[in-house]
Amino acid sequence: MVLPTGVAQLRQAVVDQLEAAKDKRTPLSQERLWQLVEELAALEAQLAYEQEHLDTLAQTHPACRRLMTMPGMGPFTATALVATAVKVPPGEVWCHATMLLEGRSAYWV
């Protein structure tokens, strides 16, 4: 069985396969597969919730907003960079993420 990527497409492909081959499966296997479809739907809802939360966080954090002005930088990458960046006192060793957040360099991304 060839399945597409993405939660919504995967769930729909599984539903289509279940409907197409329901006469070839036992009632127990059909029941278990439908339970898996329901679990996929729940995961899809959870993913949508988490994505919305991440988008809100990215839009409200100044460093994330600044990072997302770079081409190809979305909420997921921006929040990951902000979460891993360490503020370093002036004169000490710095990290690339801190420089990026301060707007000094963006070429390493």
N, C-alpha and C. Protein backbone atom coordinates (compact mmCIF):
# COMPACT_ATOMS: atom_id res chain seq x y z
N MET A 1 0.85 -1.17 0.00
CA MET A 1 0.00 0.00 0.00
C MET A 1 0.90 1.24 0.00
N VAL A 2 0.69 2.11 -0.94
CA VAL A 2 1.43 3.37 -1.01
C VAL A 2 0.60 4.43 -0.33
N LEU A 3 1.22 5.13 0.65
CA LEU A 3 0.50 6.14 1.41
C LEU A 3 1.18 7.50 1.24
N PRO A 4 0.38 8.55 1.19
CA PRO A 4 0.95 9.89 1.03
C PRO A 4 1.50 10.42 2.35
N THR A 5 2.27 11.49 2.27
CA THR A 5 2.76 12.14 3.47
C THR A 5 1.73 13.16 3.94
N GLY A 6 1.81 13.52 5.21
CA GLY A 6 0.86 14.46 5.78
C GLY A 6 -0.26 13.72 6.48
N VAL A 7 -0.62 14.20 7.65
CA VAL A 7 -1.60 13.49 8.47
C VAL A 7 -2.96 13.40 7.80
N ALA A 8 -3.46 14.50 7.27
CA ALA A 8 -4.80 14.50 6.66
C ALA A 8 -4.84 13.59 5.44
N GLN A 9 -3.80 13.67 4.60
CA GLN A 9 -3.76 12.83 3.40
C GLN A 9 -3.62 11.36 3.77
N LEU A 10 -2.83 11.08 4.80
CA LEU A 10 -2.65 9.71 5.26
C LEU A 10 -3.97 9.13 5.76
N ARG A 11 -4.64 9.91 6.61
CA ARG A 11 -5.93 9.43 7.15
C ARG A 11 -6.92 9.17 6.02
N GLN A 12 -7.02 10.07 5.06
CA GLN A 12 -7.95 9.88 3.95
C GLN A 12 -7.58 8.67 3.10
N ALA A 13 -6.29 8.45 2.87
CA ALA A 13 -5.85 7.29 2.09
C ALA A 13 -6.19 5.99 2.81
N VAL A 14 -6.03 5.97 4.12
CA VAL A 14 -6.36 4.77 4.89
C VAL A 14 -7.86 4.51 4.83
N VAL A 15 -8.66 5.56 4.97
CA VAL A 15 -10.11 5.41 4.88
C VAL A 15 -10.50 4.87 3.51
N ASP A 16 -9.91 5.43 2.46
CA ASP A 16 -10.22 4.95 1.10
C ASP A 16 -9.85 3.48 0.94
N GLN A 17 -8.69 3.08 1.46
CA GLN A 17 -8.26 1.68 1.37
C GLN A 17 -9.21 0.77 2.16
N LEU A 18 -9.63 1.25 3.32
CA LEU A 18 -10.55 0.44 4.13
C LEU A 18 -11.87 0.22 3.41
N GLU A 19 -12.38 1.28 2.84
CA GLU A 19 -13.65 1.17 2.12
C GLU A 19 -13.53 0.26 0.90
N ALA A 20 -12.42 0.37 0.18
CA ALA A 20 -12.23 -0.40 -1.05
C ALA A 20 -12.06 -1.89 -0.78
N ALA A 21 -11.47 -2.25 0.36
CA ALA A 21 -11.15 -3.65 0.62
C ALA A 21 -11.89 -4.21 1.83
N LYS A 22 -13.03 -3.64 2.18
CA LYS A 22 -13.69 -4.10 3.40
C LYS A 22 -14.20 -5.55 3.30
N ASP A 23 -14.48 -6.02 2.10
CA ASP A 23 -14.94 -7.41 1.95
C ASP A 23 -13.79 -8.40 2.08
N LYS A 24 -12.57 -7.95 1.99
CA LYS A 24 -11.41 -8.83 2.05
C LYS A 24 -10.84 -8.97 3.46
N ARG A 25 -11.34 -8.17 4.39
CA ARG A 25 -10.81 -8.19 5.76
C ARG A 25 -11.83 -8.78 6.71
N THR A 26 -11.32 -9.32 7.79
CA THR A 26 -12.21 -9.86 8.82
C THR A 26 -12.84 -8.71 9.59
N PRO A 27 -13.96 -8.95 10.23
CA PRO A 27 -14.60 -7.89 11.03
C PRO A 27 -13.67 -7.34 12.12
N LEU A 28 -12.88 -8.22 12.74
CA LEU A 28 -11.96 -7.77 13.78
C LEU A 28 -10.89 -6.84 13.21
N SER A 29 -10.33 -7.20 12.05
CA SER A 29 -9.30 -6.35 11.46
C SER A 29 -9.90 -5.02 11.00
N GLN A 30 -11.12 -5.06 10.47
CA GLN A 30 -11.80 -3.83 10.09
C GLN A 30 -11.99 -2.92 11.31
N GLU A 31 -12.41 -3.51 12.43
CA GLU A 31 -12.63 -2.74 13.65
C GLU A 31 -11.33 -2.09 14.12
N ARG A 32 -10.25 -2.88 14.14
CA ARG A 32 -8.96 -2.35 14.58
C ARG A 32 -8.46 -1.24 13.65
N LEU A 33 -8.63 -1.42 12.35
CA LEU A 33 -8.18 -0.40 11.41
C LEU A 33 -8.99 0.89 11.55
N TRP A 34 -10.29 0.77 11.80
CA TRP A 34 -11.10 1.97 12.03
C TRP A 34 -10.70 2.66 13.33
N GLN A 35 -10.29 1.89 14.33
CA GLN A 35 -9.78 2.50 15.56
C GLN A 35 -8.51 3.29 15.27
N LEU A 36 -7.68 2.75 14.40
CA LEU A 36 -6.46 3.48 14.02
C LEU A 36 -6.79 4.77 13.26
N VAL A 37 -7.83 4.73 12.45
CA VAL A 37 -8.26 5.94 11.74
C VAL A 37 -8.71 6.99 12.75
N GLU A 38 -9.44 6.56 13.77
CA GLU A 38 -9.89 7.49 14.80
C GLU A 38 -8.69 8.07 15.57
N GLU A 39 -7.68 7.24 15.82
CA GLU A 39 -6.47 7.73 16.48
C GLU A 39 -5.74 8.75 15.60
N LEU A 40 -5.70 8.49 14.30
CA LEU A 40 -5.09 9.44 13.38
C LEU A 40 -5.84 10.77 13.40
N ALA A 41 -7.16 10.72 13.46
CA ALA A 41 -7.96 11.95 13.52
C ALA A 41 -7.66 12.72 14.81
N ALA A 42 -7.52 12.01 15.92
CA ALA A 42 -7.18 12.66 17.19
C ALA A 42 -5.79 13.28 17.13
N LEU A 43 -4.84 12.58 16.53
CA LEU A 43 -3.49 13.13 16.36
C LEU A 43 -3.50 14.36 15.46
N GLU A 44 -4.33 14.31 14.44
CA GLU A 44 -4.45 15.45 13.53
C GLU A 44 -4.98 16.67 14.28
N ALA A 45 -5.96 16.47 15.14
CA ALA A 45 -6.51 17.57 15.93
C ALA A 45 -5.46 18.11 16.90
N GLN A 46 -4.72 17.23 17.55
CA GLN A 46 -3.67 17.65 18.47
C GLN A 46 -2.58 18.42 17.73
N LEU A 47 -2.21 17.96 16.56
CA LEU A 47 -1.20 18.64 15.76
C LEU A 47 -1.67 20.04 15.37
N ALA A 48 -2.92 20.17 14.99
CA ALA A 48 -3.48 21.48 14.63
C ALA A 48 -3.45 22.42 15.83
N TYR A 49 -3.79 21.91 17.01
CA TYR A 49 -3.75 22.71 18.23
C TYR A 49 -2.32 23.18 18.52
N GLU A 50 -1.37 22.27 18.45
CA GLU A 50 0.03 22.61 18.72
C GLU A 50 0.56 23.61 17.70
N GLN A 51 0.19 23.44 16.44
CA GLN A 51 0.63 24.37 15.40
C GLN A 51 0.08 25.77 15.65
N GLU A 52 -1.18 25.85 16.06
CA GLU A 52 -1.79 27.15 16.36
C GLU A 52 -1.07 27.81 17.54
N HIS A 53 -0.77 27.02 18.57
CA HIS A 53 -0.06 27.53 19.74
C HIS A 53 1.33 28.04 19.33
N LEU A 54 2.03 27.28 18.51
CA LEU A 54 3.35 27.66 18.04
C LEU A 54 3.30 28.93 17.20
N ASP A 55 2.31 29.03 16.32
CA ASP A 55 2.15 30.23 15.49
C ASP A 55 1.91 31.47 16.35
N THR A 56 1.06 31.32 17.37
CA THR A 56 0.78 32.44 18.28
C THR A 56 2.03 32.86 19.02
N LEU A 57 2.77 31.88 19.51
CA LEU A 57 4.01 32.17 20.22
C LEU A 57 5.00 32.89 19.31
N ALA A 58 5.13 32.42 18.09
CA ALA A 58 6.08 33.02 17.15
C ALA A 58 5.68 34.46 16.80
N GLN A 59 4.39 34.72 16.69
CA GLN A 59 3.93 36.06 16.35
C GLN A 59 4.05 37.04 17.51
N THR A 60 4.10 36.54 18.74
CA THR A 60 4.16 37.44 19.89
C THR A 60 5.58 37.64 20.42
N HIS A 61 6.51 36.80 20.04
CA HIS A 61 7.88 36.93 20.53
C HIS A 61 8.68 37.80 19.55
N PRO A 62 9.29 38.89 20.05
CA PRO A 62 10.00 39.80 19.15
C PRO A 62 11.12 39.13 18.34
N ALA A 63 11.90 38.27 18.97
CA ALA A 63 12.99 37.61 18.25
C ALA A 63 12.45 36.69 17.16
N CYS A 64 11.36 36.00 17.45
CA CYS A 64 10.76 35.12 16.43
C CYS A 64 10.24 35.94 15.26
N ARG A 65 9.58 37.05 15.55
CA ARG A 65 9.08 37.90 14.46
C ARG A 65 10.23 38.39 13.59
N ARG A 66 11.34 38.76 14.22
CA ARG A 66 12.50 39.24 13.47
C ARG A 66 13.08 38.11 12.62
N LEU A 67 13.19 36.93 13.19
CA LEU A 67 13.72 35.79 12.43
C LEU A 67 12.83 35.44 11.24
N MET A 68 11.52 35.54 11.42
CA MET A 68 10.60 35.15 10.35
C MET A 68 10.58 36.13 9.20
N THR A 69 11.31 37.23 9.30
CA THR A 69 11.44 38.12 8.14
C THR A 69 12.43 37.56 7.13
N MET A 70 13.22 36.58 7.55
CA MET A 70 14.17 35.95 6.64
C MET A 70 13.42 34.98 5.72
N PRO A 71 13.78 34.94 4.45
CA PRO A 71 13.13 34.01 3.52
C PRO A 71 13.28 32.56 4.00
N GLY A 72 12.18 31.84 4.01
CA GLY A 72 12.20 30.43 4.38
C GLY A 72 12.14 30.16 5.87
N MET A 73 12.12 31.19 6.68
CA MET A 73 12.10 31.01 8.13
C MET A 73 10.65 31.10 8.61
N GLY A 74 10.13 29.98 9.09
CA GLY A 74 8.76 29.96 9.57
C GLY A 74 8.69 29.88 11.08
N PRO A 75 7.50 29.76 11.62
CA PRO A 75 7.32 29.73 13.06
C PRO A 75 8.04 28.57 13.75
N PHE A 76 8.05 27.41 13.12
CA PHE A 76 8.68 26.25 13.75
C PHE A 76 10.17 26.46 13.94
N THR A 77 10.86 26.88 12.88
CA THR A 77 12.30 27.09 12.96
C THR A 77 12.63 28.28 13.84
N ALA A 78 11.86 29.35 13.73
CA ALA A 78 12.13 30.55 14.54
C ALA A 78 12.01 30.25 16.03
N THR A 79 10.95 29.55 16.44
CA THR A 79 10.80 29.24 17.87
C THR A 79 11.86 28.26 18.33
N ALA A 80 12.27 27.34 17.46
CA ALA A 80 13.32 26.40 17.84
C ALA A 80 14.64 27.14 18.07
N LEU A 81 14.95 28.09 17.20
CA LEU A 81 16.18 28.87 17.37
C LEU A 81 16.13 29.71 18.64
N VAL A 82 15.01 30.35 18.88
CA VAL A 82 14.88 31.18 20.08
C VAL A 82 14.98 30.31 21.33
N ALA A 83 14.39 29.14 21.29
CA ALA A 83 14.42 28.25 22.46
C ALA A 83 15.82 27.75 22.76
N THR A 84 16.67 27.63 21.76
CA THR A 84 18.01 27.09 21.99
C THR A 84 19.08 28.16 22.12
N ALA A 85 18.73 29.41 21.81
CA ALA A 85 19.72 30.48 21.90
C ALA A 85 20.01 30.81 23.35
N VAL A 86 21.27 31.07 23.63
CA VAL A 86 21.70 31.39 24.98
C VAL A 86 22.22 32.82 24.97
N LYS A 87 21.70 33.65 25.87
CA LYS A 87 22.21 35.01 25.98
C LYS A 87 23.59 34.97 26.62
N VAL A 88 24.56 35.60 25.99
CA VAL A 88 25.93 35.60 26.48
C VAL A 88 26.32 37.04 26.82
N PRO A 89 26.88 37.27 28.00
CA PRO A 89 27.30 38.63 28.36
C PRO A 89 28.33 39.16 27.35
N PRO A 90 28.34 40.48 27.13
CA PRO A 90 29.30 41.07 26.20
C PRO A 90 30.74 40.73 26.59
N GLY A 91 31.56 40.45 25.59
CA GLY A 91 32.95 40.14 25.83
C GLY A 91 33.24 38.67 26.03
N GLU A 92 32.20 37.85 26.19
CA GLU A 92 32.42 36.42 26.37
C GLU A 92 32.19 35.69 25.05
N VAL A 93 32.44 34.41 25.05
CA VAL A 93 32.25 33.60 23.85
C VAL A 93 30.76 33.63 23.48
N TRP A 94 30.46 33.76 22.20
CA TRP A 94 29.08 33.84 21.73
C TRP A 94 28.73 32.62 20.92
N CYS A 95 27.46 32.45 20.70
CA CYS A 95 27.01 31.35 19.83
C CYS A 95 26.32 31.96 18.61
N HIS A 96 26.26 31.23 17.54
CA HIS A 96 25.67 31.73 16.30
C HIS A 96 24.21 32.10 16.49
N ALA A 97 23.47 31.32 17.27
CA ALA A 97 22.04 31.62 17.45
C ALA A 97 21.85 32.95 18.15
N THR A 98 22.69 33.25 19.13
CA THR A 98 22.58 34.53 19.82
C THR A 98 22.86 35.68 18.86
N MET A 99 23.88 35.54 18.03
CA MET A 99 24.18 36.58 17.05
C MET A 99 23.01 36.76 16.08
N LEU A 100 22.41 35.66 15.67
CA LEU A 100 21.30 35.72 14.75
C LEU A 100 20.13 36.47 15.37
N LEU A 101 19.83 36.15 16.64
CA LEU A 101 18.72 36.80 17.32
C LEU A 101 18.97 38.30 17.50
N GLU A 102 20.20 38.67 17.65
CA GLU A 102 20.54 40.09 17.82
C GLU A 102 20.68 40.80 16.48
N GLY A 103 20.51 40.06 15.39
CA GLY A 103 20.54 40.66 14.07
C GLY A 103 21.93 40.91 13.52
N ARG A 104 22.97 40.30 14.09
CA ARG A 104 24.34 40.54 13.64
C ARG A 104 24.75 39.66 12.47
N SER A 105 24.13 38.49 12.32
CA SER A 105 24.50 37.61 11.23
C SER A 105 23.37 36.65 10.97
N ALA A 106 23.06 36.43 9.71
CA ALA A 106 22.00 35.48 9.38
C ALA A 106 22.43 34.53 8.27
N TYR A 107 23.70 34.51 7.94
CA TYR A 107 24.14 33.73 6.80
C TYR A 107 24.35 32.26 7.09
N TRP A 108 24.43 31.87 8.34
CA TRP A 108 24.69 30.47 8.64
C TRP A 108 23.44 29.62 8.58
N VAL A 109 22.27 30.22 8.56
CA VAL A 109 21.03 29.43 8.57
C VAL A 109 20.83 28.75 7.25
